[in-house]
Amino acid sequence: MFWSPPKRAPCPIKFDPGNNLHQSFIAALACLKAKQFYIEIPGVPRTEKFKQELALKAFEFKVKDFIPDQEAAKEIQADVEKQQKNKD
């Protein structure tokens, strides 16, 4: 569990437009956002073709790599160690 000691920072994964799980995630997220903003969803969202098209469109977006803040990580680690010392 992320929030239970020892804490572990999340790690990014590479988006794979050919991965069925990634395709489903992108399609679900796109449909949720479309509903939220009252945008009509073109096509049938649960078809494989629809999911593949959305995944390919999402793959075109380039996002900067996540780089964790080393100072914040050190502070968190120090806090975890302090909590563990207090428990002992």
C-alpha atoms as a PDB file:
ATOM      1  CA  MET A   1       0.000   0.000   0.000  1.00  0.00           C
ATOM      2  CA  PHE A   2       1.351   3.409  -0.952  1.00  0.00           C
ATOM      3  CA  TRP A   3       0.266   5.271   2.173  1.00  0.00           C
ATOM      4  CA  SER A   4       1.342   2.697   4.737  1.00  0.00           C
ATOM      5  CA  PRO A   5       4.937   2.520   5.960  1.00  0.00           C
ATOM      6  CA  PRO A   6       7.349   2.148   4.387  1.00  0.00           C
ATOM      7  CA  LYS A   7       6.095   4.702   1.885  1.00  0.00           C
ATOM      8  CA  ARG A   8       6.966   4.133  -1.741  1.00  0.00           C
ATOM      9  CA  ALA A   9       6.924   6.801  -4.394  1.00  0.00           C
ATOM     10  CA  PRO A  10       4.790   6.088  -7.446  1.00  0.00           C
ATOM     11  CA  CYS A  11       6.628   5.189 -10.592  1.00  0.00           C
ATOM     12  CA  PRO A  12       5.511   6.117 -14.099  1.00  0.00           C
ATOM     13  CA  ILE A  13       4.690   3.509 -16.712  1.00  0.00           C
ATOM     14  CA  LYS A  14       5.144   3.793 -20.455  1.00  0.00           C
ATOM     15  CA  PHE A  15       1.874   4.191 -22.336  1.00  0.00           C
ATOM     16  CA  ASP A  16       1.429   1.450 -24.920  1.00  0.00           C
ATOM     17  CA  PRO A  17      -1.360   2.166 -27.435  1.00  0.00           C
ATOM     18  CA  GLY A  18      -1.405  -1.536 -28.346  1.00  0.00           C
ATOM     19  CA  ASN A  19      -2.096  -2.672 -24.778  1.00  0.00           C
ATOM     20  CA  ASN A  20      -5.790  -3.525 -24.285  1.00  0.00           C
ATOM     21  CA  LEU A  21      -5.760  -2.324 -20.660  1.00  0.00           C
ATOM     22  CA  HIS A  22      -4.273   1.032 -21.680  1.00  0.00           C
ATOM     23  CA  GLN A  23      -6.816   1.353 -24.490  1.00  0.00           C
ATOM     24  CA  SER A  24      -9.697   0.670 -22.106  1.00  0.00           C
ATOM     25  CA  PHE A  25      -8.379   3.177 -19.571  1.00  0.00           C
ATOM     26  CA  ILE A  26      -8.061   5.942 -22.178  1.00  0.00           C
ATOM     27  CA  ALA A  27     -11.529   5.216 -23.599  1.00  0.00           C
ATOM     28  CA  ALA A  28     -13.115   5.240 -20.136  1.00  0.00           C
ATOM     29  CA  LEU A  29     -11.350   8.471 -19.167  1.00  0.00           C
ATOM     30  CA  ALA A  30     -12.292  10.156 -22.449  1.00  0.00           C
ATOM     31  CA  CYS A  31     -15.939   9.160 -22.026  1.00  0.00           C
ATOM     32  CA  LEU A  32     -16.020  10.407 -18.430  1.00  0.00           C
ATOM     33  CA  LYS A  33     -14.536  13.753 -19.448  1.00  0.00           C
ATOM     34  CA  ALA A  34     -16.931  14.033 -22.400  1.00  0.00           C
ATOM     35  CA  LYS A  35     -19.912  13.418 -20.118  1.00  0.00           C
ATOM     36  CA  GLN A  36     -18.561  15.904 -17.585  1.00  0.00           C
ATOM     37  CA  PHE A  37     -18.395  18.670 -20.200  1.00  0.00           C
ATOM     38  CA  TYR A  38     -21.555  17.642 -22.114  1.00  0.00           C
ATOM     39  CA  ILE A  39     -19.610  16.645 -25.225  1.00  0.00           C
ATOM     40  CA  GLU A  40     -21.251  14.102 -27.500  1.00  0.00           C
ATOM     41  CA  ILE A  41     -19.241  10.897 -27.796  1.00  0.00           C
ATOM     42  CA  PRO A  42     -18.744  10.040 -31.464  1.00  0.00           C
ATOM     43  CA  GLY A  43     -19.069   6.334 -32.163  1.00  0.00           C
ATOM     44  CA  VAL A  44     -19.623   3.416 -29.812  1.00  0.00           C
ATOM     45  CA  PRO A  45     -17.194   3.681 -26.876  1.00  0.00           C
ATOM     46  CA  ARG A  46     -17.038  -0.016 -26.000  1.00  0.00           C
ATOM     47  CA  THR A  47     -15.903  -1.288 -29.385  1.00  0.00           C
ATOM     48  CA  GLU A  48     -12.312  -2.338 -29.880  1.00  0.00           C
ATOM     49  CA  LYS A  49     -11.956  -0.044 -32.896  1.00  0.00           C
ATOM     50  CA  PHE A  50     -13.056   2.989 -30.850  1.00  0.00           C
ATOM     51  CA  LYS A  51     -10.616   2.143 -28.048  1.00  0.00           C
ATOM     52  CA  GLN A  52      -7.745   1.659 -30.501  1.00  0.00           C
ATOM     53  CA  GLU A  53      -8.432   4.986 -32.240  1.00  0.00           C
ATOM     54  CA  LEU A  54      -8.502   6.852 -28.916  1.00  0.00           C
ATOM     55  CA  ALA A  55      -5.323   5.152 -27.743  1.00  0.00           C
ATOM     56  CA  LEU A  56      -3.524   6.169 -30.930  1.00  0.00           C
ATOM     57  CA  LYS A  57      -4.720   9.767 -30.516  1.00  0.00           C
ATOM     58  CA  ALA A  58      -3.584   9.764 -26.883  1.00  0.00           C
ATOM     59  CA  PHE A  59      -0.192   8.379 -27.924  1.00  0.00           C
ATOM     60  CA  GLU A  60       0.357  11.462 -30.090  1.00  0.00           C
ATOM     61  CA  PHE A  61       0.444  13.684 -26.985  1.00  0.00           C
ATOM     62  CA  LYS A  62       3.890  14.107 -25.532  1.00  0.00           C
ATOM     63  CA  VAL A  63       4.073  14.566 -21.775  1.00  0.00           C
ATOM     64  CA  LYS A  64       7.213  15.633 -19.955  1.00  0.00           C
ATOM     65  CA  ASP A  65       8.861  12.852 -17.973  1.00  0.00           C
ATOM     66  CA  PHE A  66       8.007  12.727 -14.279  1.00  0.00           C
ATOM     67  CA  ILE A  67      11.031  13.580 -12.166  1.00  0.00           C
ATOM     68  CA  PRO A  68      10.458  13.173  -8.429  1.00  0.00           C
ATOM     69  CA  ASP A  69      11.664  15.892  -6.079  1.00  0.00           C
ATOM     70  CA  GLN A  70      14.645  14.374  -4.271  1.00  0.00           C
ATOM     71  CA  GLU A  71      14.414  16.822  -1.349  1.00  0.00           C
ATOM     72  CA  ALA A  72      10.762  15.942  -0.753  1.00  0.00           C
ATOM     73  CA  ALA A  73      11.623  12.231  -0.960  1.00  0.00           C
ATOM     74  CA  LYS A  74      14.335  12.685   1.687  1.00  0.00           C
ATOM     75  CA  GLU A  75      11.903  14.517   3.967  1.00  0.00           C
ATOM     76  CA  ILE A  76       9.326  11.755   3.599  1.00  0.00           C
ATOM     77  CA  GLN A  77      11.926   9.079   4.295  1.00  0.00           C
ATOM     78  CA  ALA A  78      13.120  10.951   7.402  1.00  0.00           C
ATOM     79  CA  ASP A  79       9.505  11.233   8.609  1.00  0.00           C
ATOM     80  CA  VAL A  80       8.932   7.503   8.071  1.00  0.00           C
ATOM     81  CA  GLU A  81      12.103   6.631   9.979  1.00  0.00           C
ATOM     82  CA  LYS A  82      11.086   8.959  12.809  1.00  0.00           C
ATOM     83  CA  GLN A  83       7.652   7.327  13.021  1.00  0.00           C
ATOM     84  CA  GLN A  84       9.194   3.866  13.074  1.00  0.00           C
ATOM     85  CA  LYS A  85      11.591   4.887  15.876  1.00  0.00           C
ATOM     86  CA  ASN A  86       8.684   6.251  17.932  1.00  0.00           C
ATOM     87  CA  LYS A  87       6.787   2.965  17.555  1.00  0.00           C
ATOM     88  CA  ASP A  88       9.744   0.937  18.847  1.00  0.00           C
END
